[in-house]
């Protein structure tokens, strides 16, 4: 039994993620000086459905305001949908969310939740306790994951780390809980080009190929989706406009395989606007 099997096990499910007709509305409060004006309703998600198999990388690609982060928050159990449901690892998103939370991970682009005056190691020890890990287990996994993520110094204050290192620590914290699927919200948005390239390489080569994780990430960068993802979901105005392997989607939309993802993206987005 190798290190990875010891740390995470090897059980897999056929469909890692199944999403069925998820919709979400938000209501903006009335203006302070217009008491008779109705609340403004925003349809953030409109009957979103798709499936994702284990060990795959899915990029949710779309412009700002498309609904990407809202969908990510729903699938990571932070907010509830108004309609529809999903199954993650066979667990129902609505009725079995407590059982599900320990098996999924979430990485935001900001360093949310870290205590900036504590060292990286002290932060990880704190989160490990929250995940009900023993001190020995925390030490073992921190040592293994810090080597994997190439984090050399865990003993300086969190606030003194670079943006790239803070992002790696966010991922390390996520992996402490032993998730099988990891949701990332624009994971390279605050990194410089070299840092973004290294982080994408780590996701593809280490996180997915070596650790066998499934990754779902949002982005508005076409080049990032094209270089990293096995499958693409293009979202606009709360709807999934296209989903699948890039070459298959290109053929579906009348493009050849040599067409760029940018051409496909513009065709799917403009098709809705022209209609």
C-alpha atoms as a PDB file:
ATOM      1  CA  UNK A   1       0.000   0.000   0.000  1.00  0.00           C
ATOM      2  CA  UNK A   2       1.513   3.328  -1.084  1.00  0.00           C
ATOM      3  CA  UNK A   3       1.451   6.660   0.723  1.00  0.00           C
ATOM      4  CA  UNK A   4      -1.500   7.988  -1.255  1.00  0.00           C
ATOM      5  CA  UNK A   5      -3.662   4.963  -0.495  1.00  0.00           C
ATOM      6  CA  UNK A   6      -2.746   5.189   3.180  1.00  0.00           C
ATOM      7  CA  UNK A   7      -3.698   8.854   3.309  1.00  0.00           C
ATOM      8  CA  UNK A   8      -6.850   8.876   1.235  1.00  0.00           C
ATOM      9  CA  UNK A   9      -7.929   5.356   0.286  1.00  0.00           C
ATOM     10  CA  UNK A  10      -8.870   4.228  -3.211  1.00  0.00           C
ATOM     11  CA  UNK A  11     -12.673   3.947  -3.362  1.00  0.00           C
ATOM     12  CA  UNK A  12     -14.224   5.750  -6.345  1.00  0.00           C
ATOM     13  CA  UNK A  13     -17.778   6.387  -7.472  1.00  0.00           C
ATOM     14  CA  UNK A  14     -18.956   6.210 -11.083  1.00  0.00           C
ATOM     15  CA  UNK A  15     -20.300   9.764 -11.195  1.00  0.00           C
ATOM     16  CA  UNK A  16     -18.434  12.158  -8.955  1.00  0.00           C
ATOM     17  CA  UNK A  17     -20.911  14.960  -9.551  1.00  0.00           C
ATOM     18  CA  UNK A  18     -24.456  15.023 -10.951  1.00  0.00           C
ATOM     19  CA  UNK A  19     -26.264  18.350 -11.145  1.00  0.00           C
ATOM     20  CA  UNK A  20     -29.976  18.497 -11.965  1.00  0.00           C
ATOM     21  CA  UNK A  21     -31.856  21.684 -12.868  1.00  0.00           C
ATOM     22  CA  UNK A  22     -30.312  23.932 -10.226  1.00  0.00           C
ATOM     23  CA  UNK A  23     -31.705  27.472 -10.138  1.00  0.00           C
ATOM     24  CA  UNK A  24     -30.986  30.354  -7.796  1.00  0.00           C
ATOM     25  CA  UNK A  25     -32.509  33.822  -7.462  1.00  0.00           C
ATOM     26  CA  UNK A  26     -31.347  36.775  -5.426  1.00  0.00           C
ATOM     27  CA  UNK A  27     -33.386  39.825  -4.461  1.00  0.00           C
ATOM     28  CA  UNK A  28     -31.767  43.220  -4.157  1.00  0.00           C
ATOM     29  CA  UNK A  29     -33.143  45.362  -1.296  1.00  0.00           C
ATOM     30  CA  UNK A  30     -35.355  48.334  -2.089  1.00  0.00           C
ATOM     31  CA  UNK A  31     -33.584  51.692  -2.401  1.00  0.00           C
ATOM     32  CA  UNK A  32     -33.706  53.581   0.882  1.00  0.00           C
ATOM     33  CA  UNK A  33     -35.575  56.554  -0.578  1.00  0.00           C
ATOM     34  CA  UNK A  34     -37.904  54.565  -2.897  1.00  0.00           C
ATOM     35  CA  UNK A  35     -40.115  52.578  -0.497  1.00  0.00           C
ATOM     36  CA  UNK A  36     -42.716  51.822  -3.180  1.00  0.00           C
ATOM     37  CA  UNK A  37     -40.259  50.363  -5.645  1.00  0.00           C
ATOM     38  CA  UNK A  38     -40.313  46.573  -5.903  1.00  0.00           C
ATOM     39  CA  UNK A  39     -37.358  44.420  -4.954  1.00  0.00           C
ATOM     40  CA  UNK A  40     -35.191  43.702  -7.977  1.00  0.00           C
ATOM     41  CA  UNK A  41     -34.884  40.000  -8.771  1.00  0.00           C
ATOM     42  CA  UNK A  42     -31.701  38.526 -10.253  1.00  0.00           C
ATOM     43  CA  UNK A  43     -31.749  35.040 -11.753  1.00  0.00           C
ATOM     44  CA  UNK A  44     -28.220  33.921 -10.976  1.00  0.00           C
ATOM     45  CA  UNK A  45     -28.639  30.289 -12.097  1.00  0.00           C
ATOM     46  CA  UNK A  46     -31.188  28.977 -14.577  1.00  0.00           C
ATOM     47  CA  UNK A  47     -31.781  25.196 -14.555  1.00  0.00           C
ATOM     48  CA  UNK A  48     -28.129  24.145 -14.602  1.00  0.00           C
ATOM     49  CA  UNK A  49     -27.504  20.434 -15.289  1.00  0.00           C
ATOM     50  CA  UNK A  50     -24.356  18.386 -16.026  1.00  0.00           C
ATOM     51  CA  UNK A  51     -22.303  15.375 -14.871  1.00  0.00           C
ATOM     52  CA  UNK A  52     -18.630  14.977 -14.002  1.00  0.00           C
ATOM     53  CA  UNK A  53     -16.678  11.712 -13.729  1.00  0.00           C
ATOM     54  CA  UNK A  54     -13.955  11.023 -11.135  1.00  0.00           C
ATOM     55  CA  UNK A  55     -10.378  12.053 -11.815  1.00  0.00           C
ATOM     56  CA  UNK A  56     -11.341  14.810 -14.259  1.00  0.00           C
ATOM     57  CA  UNK A  57     -10.716  18.548 -14.344  1.00  0.00           C
ATOM     58  CA  UNK A  58     -13.722  20.691 -15.230  1.00  0.00           C
ATOM     59  CA  UNK A  59     -13.375  24.391 -16.041  1.00  0.00           C
ATOM     60  CA  UNK A  60     -16.477  26.518 -15.596  1.00  0.00           C
ATOM     61  CA  UNK A  61     -15.759  29.338 -18.019  1.00  0.00           C
ATOM     62  CA  UNK A  62     -17.714  32.545 -18.302  1.00  0.00           C
ATOM     63  CA  UNK A  63     -17.681  36.324 -17.930  1.00  0.00           C
ATOM     64  CA  UNK A  64     -17.955  38.088 -14.592  1.00  0.00           C
ATOM     65  CA  UNK A  65     -21.541  37.875 -13.348  1.00  0.00           C
ATOM     66  CA  UNK A  66     -22.308  34.681 -15.276  1.00  0.00           C
ATOM     67  CA  UNK A  67     -23.203  32.758 -12.090  1.00  0.00           C
ATOM     68  CA  UNK A  68     -19.987  30.762 -11.706  1.00  0.00           C
ATOM     69  CA  UNK A  69     -19.284  31.581  -8.052  1.00  0.00           C
ATOM     70  CA  UNK A  70     -22.945  31.102  -7.098  1.00  0.00           C
ATOM     71  CA  UNK A  71     -22.885  27.586  -8.536  1.00  0.00           C
ATOM     72  CA  UNK A  72     -19.600  26.858  -6.768  1.00  0.00           C
ATOM     73  CA  UNK A  73     -21.041  27.979  -3.417  1.00  0.00           C
ATOM     74  CA  UNK A  74     -24.106  25.781  -3.876  1.00  0.00           C
ATOM     75  CA  UNK A  75     -22.072  22.693  -4.767  1.00  0.00           C
ATOM     76  CA  UNK A  76     -19.763  23.260  -1.795  1.00  0.00           C
ATOM     77  CA  UNK A  77     -22.828  23.463   0.536  1.00  0.00           C
ATOM     78  CA  UNK A  78     -22.361  27.146   1.454  1.00  0.00           C
ATOM     79  CA  UNK A  79     -25.790  28.190   0.132  1.00  0.00           C
ATOM     80  CA  UNK A  80     -28.922  26.307  -0.930  1.00  0.00           C
ATOM     81  CA  UNK A  81     -30.476  26.325  -4.406  1.00  0.00           C
ATOM     82  CA  UNK A  82     -34.047  27.520  -4.891  1.00  0.00           C
ATOM     83  CA  UNK A  83     -34.755  24.653  -7.258  1.00  0.00           C
ATOM     84  CA  UNK A  84     -33.095  21.429  -8.318  1.00  0.00           C
ATOM     85  CA  UNK A  85     -30.507  19.320  -6.560  1.00  0.00           C
ATOM     86  CA  UNK A  86     -27.202  17.545  -7.035  1.00  0.00           C
ATOM     87  CA  UNK A  87     -25.453  14.367  -5.992  1.00  0.00           C
ATOM     88  CA  UNK A  88     -21.784  14.500  -5.069  1.00  0.00           C
ATOM     89  CA  UNK A  89     -20.053  11.164  -4.394  1.00  0.00           C
ATOM     90  CA  UNK A  90     -23.556   9.708  -4.247  1.00  0.00           C
ATOM     91  CA  UNK A  91     -24.658  12.041  -1.441  1.00  0.00           C
ATOM     92  CA  UNK A  92     -27.690  14.254  -1.946  1.00  0.00           C
ATOM     93  CA  UNK A  93     -26.661  17.904  -1.793  1.00  0.00           C
ATOM     94  CA  UNK A  94     -29.786  18.945   0.127  1.00  0.00           C
ATOM     95  CA  UNK A  95     -30.601  16.092   2.484  1.00  0.00           C
ATOM     96  CA  UNK A  96     -27.100  14.719   3.148  1.00  0.00           C
ATOM     97  CA  UNK A  97     -25.025  17.901   3.235  1.00  0.00           C
ATOM     98  CA  UNK A  98     -23.524  17.131   6.665  1.00  0.00           C
ATOM     99  CA  UNK A  99     -22.144  13.801   5.441  1.00  0.00           C
ATOM    100  CA  UNK A 100     -20.919  15.465   2.280  1.00  0.00           C
ATOM    101  CA  UNK A 101     -19.000  18.361   3.843  1.00  0.00           C
ATOM    102  CA  UNK A 102     -16.149  16.188   5.065  1.00  0.00           C
ATOM    103  CA  UNK A 103     -15.546  14.794   1.568  1.00  0.00           C
ATOM    104  CA  UNK A 104     -15.342  17.975  -0.471  1.00  0.00           C
ATOM    105  CA  UNK A 105     -12.813  20.802  -0.440  1.00  0.00           C
ATOM    106  CA  UNK A 106     -13.063  24.482  -1.329  1.00  0.00           C
ATOM    107  CA  UNK A 107     -10.293  26.896  -2.306  1.00  0.00           C
ATOM    108  CA  UNK A 108     -11.060  30.570  -2.844  1.00  0.00           C
ATOM    109  CA  UNK A 109      -8.705  33.037  -4.477  1.00  0.00           C
ATOM    110  CA  UNK A 110      -8.613  35.089  -1.275  1.00  0.00           C
ATOM    111  CA  UNK A 111      -6.906  33.808   1.872  1.00  0.00           C
ATOM    112  CA  UNK A 112     -10.177  33.495   3.767  1.00  0.00           C
ATOM    113  CA  UNK A 113     -10.126  32.051   7.245  1.00  0.00           C
ATOM    114  CA  UNK A 114      -6.400  32.197   7.929  1.00  0.00           C
ATOM    115  CA  UNK A 115      -5.080  33.956  11.017  1.00  0.00           C
ATOM    116  CA  UNK A 116      -2.503  36.346   9.647  1.00  0.00           C
ATOM    117  CA  UNK A 117      -0.375  36.689  12.791  1.00  0.00           C
ATOM    118  CA  UNK A 118      -0.090  32.932  13.303  1.00  0.00           C
ATOM    119  CA  UNK A 119       2.505  30.956  11.391  1.00  0.00           C
ATOM    120  CA  UNK A 120       1.566  28.724   8.499  1.00  0.00           C
ATOM    121  CA  UNK A 121       2.118  25.676  10.706  1.00  0.00           C
ATOM    122  CA  UNK A 122      -0.010  27.040  13.563  1.00  0.00           C
ATOM    123  CA  UNK A 123      -2.835  27.769  11.133  1.00  0.00           C
ATOM    124  CA  UNK A 124      -2.676  24.237   9.754  1.00  0.00           C
ATOM    125  CA  UNK A 125      -2.625  22.728  13.245  1.00  0.00           C
ATOM    126  CA  UNK A 126      -5.734  24.738  14.105  1.00  0.00           C
ATOM    127  CA  UNK A 127      -7.624  23.620  10.992  1.00  0.00           C
ATOM    128  CA  UNK A 128      -6.463  20.043  11.469  1.00  0.00           C
ATOM    129  CA  UNK A 129      -8.079  20.026  14.918  1.00  0.00           C
ATOM    130  CA  UNK A 130     -11.300  21.352  13.371  1.00  0.00           C
ATOM    131  CA  UNK A 131     -11.161  18.395  10.964  1.00  0.00           C
ATOM    132  CA  UNK A 132     -10.902  16.048  13.988  1.00  0.00           C
ATOM    133  CA  UNK A 133      -7.377  14.948  13.128  1.00  0.00           C
ATOM    134  CA  UNK A 134      -5.002  13.789  15.834  1.00  0.00           C
ATOM    135  CA  UNK A 135      -1.790  15.790  16.416  1.00  0.00           C
ATOM    136  CA  UNK A 136       0.234  12.921  14.941  1.00  0.00           C
ATOM    137  CA  UNK A 137      -1.984  12.803  11.863  1.00  0.00           C
ATOM    138  CA  UNK A 138      -1.765  16.554  11.400  1.00  0.00           C
ATOM    139  CA  UNK A 139       2.022  16.403  11.598  1.00  0.00           C
ATOM    140  CA  UNK A 140       2.219  13.484   9.166  1.00  0.00           C
ATOM    141  CA  UNK A 141      -0.059  15.034   6.571  1.00  0.00           C
ATOM    142  CA  UNK A 142       1.427  18.513   6.912  1.00  0.00           C
ATOM    143  CA  UNK A 143       4.915  17.139   6.303  1.00  0.00           C
ATOM    144  CA  UNK A 144       3.802  15.118   3.282  1.00  0.00           C
ATOM    145  CA  UNK A 145       1.669  17.879   1.726  1.00  0.00           C
ATOM    146  CA  UNK A 146       4.174  20.680   2.327  1.00  0.00           C
ATOM    147  CA  UNK A 147       6.783  18.615   0.463  1.00  0.00           C
ATOM    148  CA  UNK A 148       4.309  17.911  -2.320  1.00  0.00           C
ATOM    149  CA  UNK A 149       3.387  21.592  -2.617  1.00  0.00           C
ATOM    150  CA  UNK A 150       7.030  22.689  -2.239  1.00  0.00           C
ATOM    151  CA  UNK A 151       6.368  24.854   0.811  1.00  0.00           C
ATOM    152  CA  UNK A 152       9.735  25.170   2.545  1.00  0.00           C
ATOM    153  CA  UNK A 153       8.994  27.436   5.506  1.00  0.00           C
ATOM    154  CA  UNK A 154       5.835  26.853   7.557  1.00  0.00           C
ATOM    155  CA  UNK A 155       7.051  28.794  10.582  1.00  0.00           C
ATOM    156  CA  UNK A 156       6.724  32.426   9.540  1.00  0.00           C
ATOM    157  CA  UNK A 157       3.589  34.554  10.010  1.00  0.00           C
ATOM    158  CA  UNK A 158       0.966  33.920   7.365  1.00  0.00           C
ATOM    159  CA  UNK A 159       0.895  37.622   6.466  1.00  0.00           C
ATOM    160  CA  UNK A 160       4.522  37.416   5.316  1.00  0.00           C
ATOM    161  CA  UNK A 161       3.928  34.817   2.616  1.00  0.00           C
ATOM    162  CA  UNK A 162       3.731  35.764  -1.061  1.00  0.00           C
ATOM    163  CA  UNK A 163       0.363  35.522  -2.867  1.00  0.00           C
ATOM    164  CA  UNK A 164       1.480  32.320  -4.563  1.00  0.00           C
ATOM    165  CA  UNK A 165       2.520  30.714  -1.281  1.00  0.00           C
ATOM    166  CA  UNK A 166      -0.725  31.787   0.413  1.00  0.00           C
ATOM    167  CA  UNK A 167      -2.602  30.044  -2.396  1.00  0.00           C
ATOM    168  CA  UNK A 168      -0.555  26.882  -1.850  1.00  0.00           C
ATOM    169  CA  UNK A 169      -1.290  27.031   1.880  1.00  0.00           C
ATOM    170  CA  UNK A 170      -5.002  27.382   1.080  1.00  0.00           C
ATOM    171  CA  UNK A 171      -4.770  24.215  -0.977  1.00  0.00           C
ATOM    172  CA  UNK A 172      -2.789  22.437   1.742  1.00  0.00           C
ATOM    173  CA  UNK A 173      -5.476  23.351   4.274  1.00  0.00           C
ATOM    174  CA  UNK A 174      -8.108  21.986   1.899  1.00  0.00           C
ATOM    175  CA  UNK A 175      -6.237  18.696   1.444  1.00  0.00           C
ATOM    176  CA  UNK A 176      -5.940  18.153   5.198  1.00  0.00           C
ATOM    177  CA  UNK A 177      -9.638  17.249   5.291  1.00  0.00           C
ATOM    178  CA  UNK A 178      -9.072  14.453   2.745  1.00  0.00           C
ATOM    179  CA  UNK A 179     -11.529  15.704   0.102  1.00  0.00           C
ATOM    180  CA  UNK A 180     -12.274  13.657  -2.991  1.00  0.00           C
ATOM    181  CA  UNK A 181     -13.508  16.543  -5.082  1.00  0.00           C
ATOM    182  CA  UNK A 182     -12.040  20.047  -4.866  1.00  0.00           C
ATOM    183  CA  UNK A 183     -13.846  23.223  -5.876  1.00  0.00           C
ATOM    184  CA  UNK A 184     -11.681  26.236  -6.755  1.00  0.00           C
ATOM    185  CA  UNK A 185     -12.913  29.756  -7.433  1.00  0.00           C
ATOM    186  CA  UNK A 186     -10.563  31.455  -9.919  1.00  0.00           C
ATOM    187  CA  UNK A 187      -7.514  29.849  -8.268  1.00  0.00           C
ATOM    188  CA  UNK A 188      -4.857  31.835 -10.160  1.00  0.00           C
ATOM    189  CA  UNK A 189      -6.532  35.247 -10.285  1.00  0.00           C
ATOM    190  CA  UNK A 190      -4.081  36.836  -7.815  1.00  0.00           C
ATOM    191  CA  UNK A 191      -0.938  35.110  -9.034  1.00  0.00           C
ATOM    192  CA  UNK A 192       1.711  36.473 -11.385  1.00  0.00           C
ATOM    193  CA  UNK A 193       2.124  34.627 -14.736  1.00  0.00           C
ATOM    194  CA  UNK A 194       4.906  32.352 -13.462  1.00  0.00           C
ATOM    195  CA  UNK A 195       3.032  31.555 -10.246  1.00  0.00           C
ATOM    196  CA  UNK A 196      -0.162  30.836 -12.181  1.00  0.00           C
ATOM    197  CA  UNK A 197       1.690  28.514 -14.558  1.00  0.00           C
ATOM    198  CA  UNK A 198       3.259  26.566 -11.672  1.00  0.00           C
ATOM    199  CA  UNK A 199      -0.054  26.303  -9.836  1.00  0.00           C
ATOM    200  CA  UNK A 200      -1.859  24.976 -12.925  1.00  0.00           C
ATOM    201  CA  UNK A 201       0.943  22.462 -13.452  1.00  0.00           C
ATOM    202  CA  UNK A 202       0.594  21.284  -9.865  1.00  0.00           C
ATOM    203  CA  UNK A 203      -3.174  20.844 -10.209  1.00  0.00           C
ATOM    204  CA  UNK A 204      -2.846  18.744 -13.340  1.00  0.00           C
ATOM    205  CA  UNK A 205       0.229  16.658 -12.566  1.00  0.00           C
ATOM    206  CA  UNK A 206       0.092  16.242  -8.796  1.00  0.00           C
ATOM    207  CA  UNK A 207      -3.439  16.842  -7.606  1.00  0.00           C
ATOM    208  CA  UNK A 208      -5.229  14.897 -10.324  1.00  0.00           C
ATOM    209  CA  UNK A 209      -2.716  12.451 -11.806  1.00  0.00           C
ATOM    210  CA  UNK A 210      -0.901  11.483  -8.608  1.00  0.00           C
ATOM    211  CA  UNK A 211      -3.508  12.026  -5.885  1.00  0.00           C
ATOM    212  CA  UNK A 212      -6.464  11.045  -8.049  1.00  0.00           C
ATOM    213  CA  UNK A 213      -8.564  14.061  -7.102  1.00  0.00           C
ATOM    214  CA  UNK A 214     -11.408  15.525  -9.126  1.00  0.00           C
ATOM    215  CA  UNK A 215     -11.163  19.288  -9.664  1.00  0.00           C
ATOM    216  CA  UNK A 216     -13.915  21.773 -10.523  1.00  0.00           C
ATOM    217  CA  UNK A 217     -12.654  25.326 -11.010  1.00  0.00           C
ATOM    218  CA  UNK A 218     -14.136  28.584 -12.223  1.00  0.00           C
ATOM    219  CA  UNK A 219     -12.317  31.018 -14.466  1.00  0.00           C
ATOM    220  CA  UNK A 220     -12.886  33.810 -16.953  1.00  0.00           C
ATOM    221  CA  UNK A 221      -9.498  33.169 -18.563  1.00  0.00           C
ATOM    222  CA  UNK A 222      -9.937  31.205 -21.793  1.00  0.00           C
ATOM    223  CA  UNK A 223      -6.250  30.234 -21.942  1.00  0.00           C
ATOM    224  CA  UNK A 224      -6.404  28.777 -18.428  1.00  0.00           C
ATOM    225  CA  UNK A 225      -9.441  26.650 -19.224  1.00  0.00           C
ATOM    226  CA  UNK A 226      -7.850  25.452 -22.470  1.00  0.00           C
ATOM    227  CA  UNK A 227      -4.524  24.468 -20.905  1.00  0.00           C
ATOM    228  CA  UNK A 228      -5.831  22.842 -17.748  1.00  0.00           C
ATOM    229  CA  UNK A 229      -9.277  21.297 -18.166  1.00  0.00           C
ATOM    230  CA  UNK A 230     -10.364  17.910 -19.505  1.00  0.00           C
ATOM    231  CA  UNK A 231     -13.882  19.229 -19.933  1.00  0.00           C
ATOM    232  CA  UNK A 232     -15.310  22.710 -20.362  1.00  0.00           C
ATOM    233  CA  UNK A 233     -18.601  24.221 -19.252  1.00  0.00           C
ATOM    234  CA  UNK A 234     -19.322  27.620 -20.788  1.00  0.00           C
ATOM    235  CA  UNK A 235     -21.742  29.666 -18.696  1.00  0.00           C
ATOM    236  CA  UNK A 236     -23.460  32.949 -19.425  1.00  0.00           C
ATOM    237  CA  UNK A 237     -26.388  34.673 -17.704  1.00  0.00           C
ATOM    238  CA  UNK A 238     -26.864  31.765 -15.322  1.00  0.00           C
ATOM    239  CA  UNK A 239     -27.108  29.078 -17.992  1.00  0.00           C
ATOM    240  CA  UNK A 240     -24.751  26.374 -19.226  1.00  0.00           C
ATOM    241  CA  UNK A 241     -24.361  27.177 -22.922  1.00  0.00           C
ATOM    242  CA  UNK A 242     -21.995  24.300 -23.778  1.00  0.00           C
ATOM    243  CA  UNK A 243     -20.525  21.340 -21.918  1.00  0.00           C
ATOM    244  CA  UNK A 244     -18.080  18.559 -22.754  1.00  0.00           C
ATOM    245  CA  UNK A 245     -14.644  17.935 -24.184  1.00  0.00           C
ATOM    246  CA  UNK A 246     -13.470  20.980 -26.157  1.00  0.00           C
ATOM    247  CA  UNK A 247     -13.110  19.122 -29.483  1.00  0.00           C
ATOM    248  CA  UNK A 248     -16.580  17.603 -29.165  1.00  0.00           C
ATOM    249  CA  UNK A 249     -18.158  20.983 -28.411  1.00  0.00           C
ATOM    250  CA  UNK A 250     -16.373  22.575 -31.376  1.00  0.00           C
ATOM    251  CA  UNK A 251     -17.867  20.003 -33.747  1.00  0.00           C
ATOM    252  CA  UNK A 252     -21.317  20.460 -32.217  1.00  0.00           C
ATOM    253  CA  UNK A 253     -21.130  24.190 -32.908  1.00  0.00           C
ATOM    254  CA  UNK A 254     -19.929  23.731 -36.482  1.00  0.00           C
ATOM    255  CA  UNK A 255     -16.243  24.443 -35.838  1.00  0.00           C
ATOM    256  CA  UNK A 256     -13.299  22.209 -36.705  1.00  0.00           C
ATOM    257  CA  UNK A 257     -10.946  20.750 -34.105  1.00  0.00           C
ATOM    258  CA  UNK A 258      -8.238  23.265 -34.999  1.00  0.00           C
ATOM    259  CA  UNK A 259     -10.486  26.138 -33.917  1.00  0.00           C
ATOM    260  CA  UNK A 260      -9.463  27.883 -30.731  1.00  0.00           C
ATOM    261  CA  UNK A 261     -11.413  27.772 -27.513  1.00  0.00           C
ATOM    262  CA  UNK A 262     -11.798  31.535 -27.854  1.00  0.00           C
ATOM    263  CA  UNK A 263     -13.674  31.038 -31.145  1.00  0.00           C
ATOM    264  CA  UNK A 264     -15.925  28.456 -29.492  1.00  0.00           C
ATOM    265  CA  UNK A 265     -16.512  30.701 -26.486  1.00  0.00           C
ATOM    266  CA  UNK A 266     -17.496  33.693 -28.608  1.00  0.00           C
ATOM    267  CA  UNK A 267     -19.774  31.556 -30.781  1.00  0.00           C
ATOM    268  CA  UNK A 268     -21.703  30.121 -27.821  1.00  0.00           C
ATOM    269  CA  UNK A 269     -22.021  33.475 -26.058  1.00  0.00           C
ATOM    270  CA  UNK A 270     -22.974  35.410 -29.186  1.00  0.00           C
ATOM    271  CA  UNK A 271     -25.490  32.779 -30.271  1.00  0.00           C
ATOM    272  CA  UNK A 272     -27.648  33.559 -27.219  1.00  0.00           C
ATOM    273  CA  UNK A 273     -27.290  37.314 -27.647  1.00  0.00           C
ATOM    274  CA  UNK A 274     -28.218  37.167 -31.351  1.00  0.00           C
ATOM    275  CA  UNK A 275     -31.268  35.033 -30.576  1.00  0.00           C
END
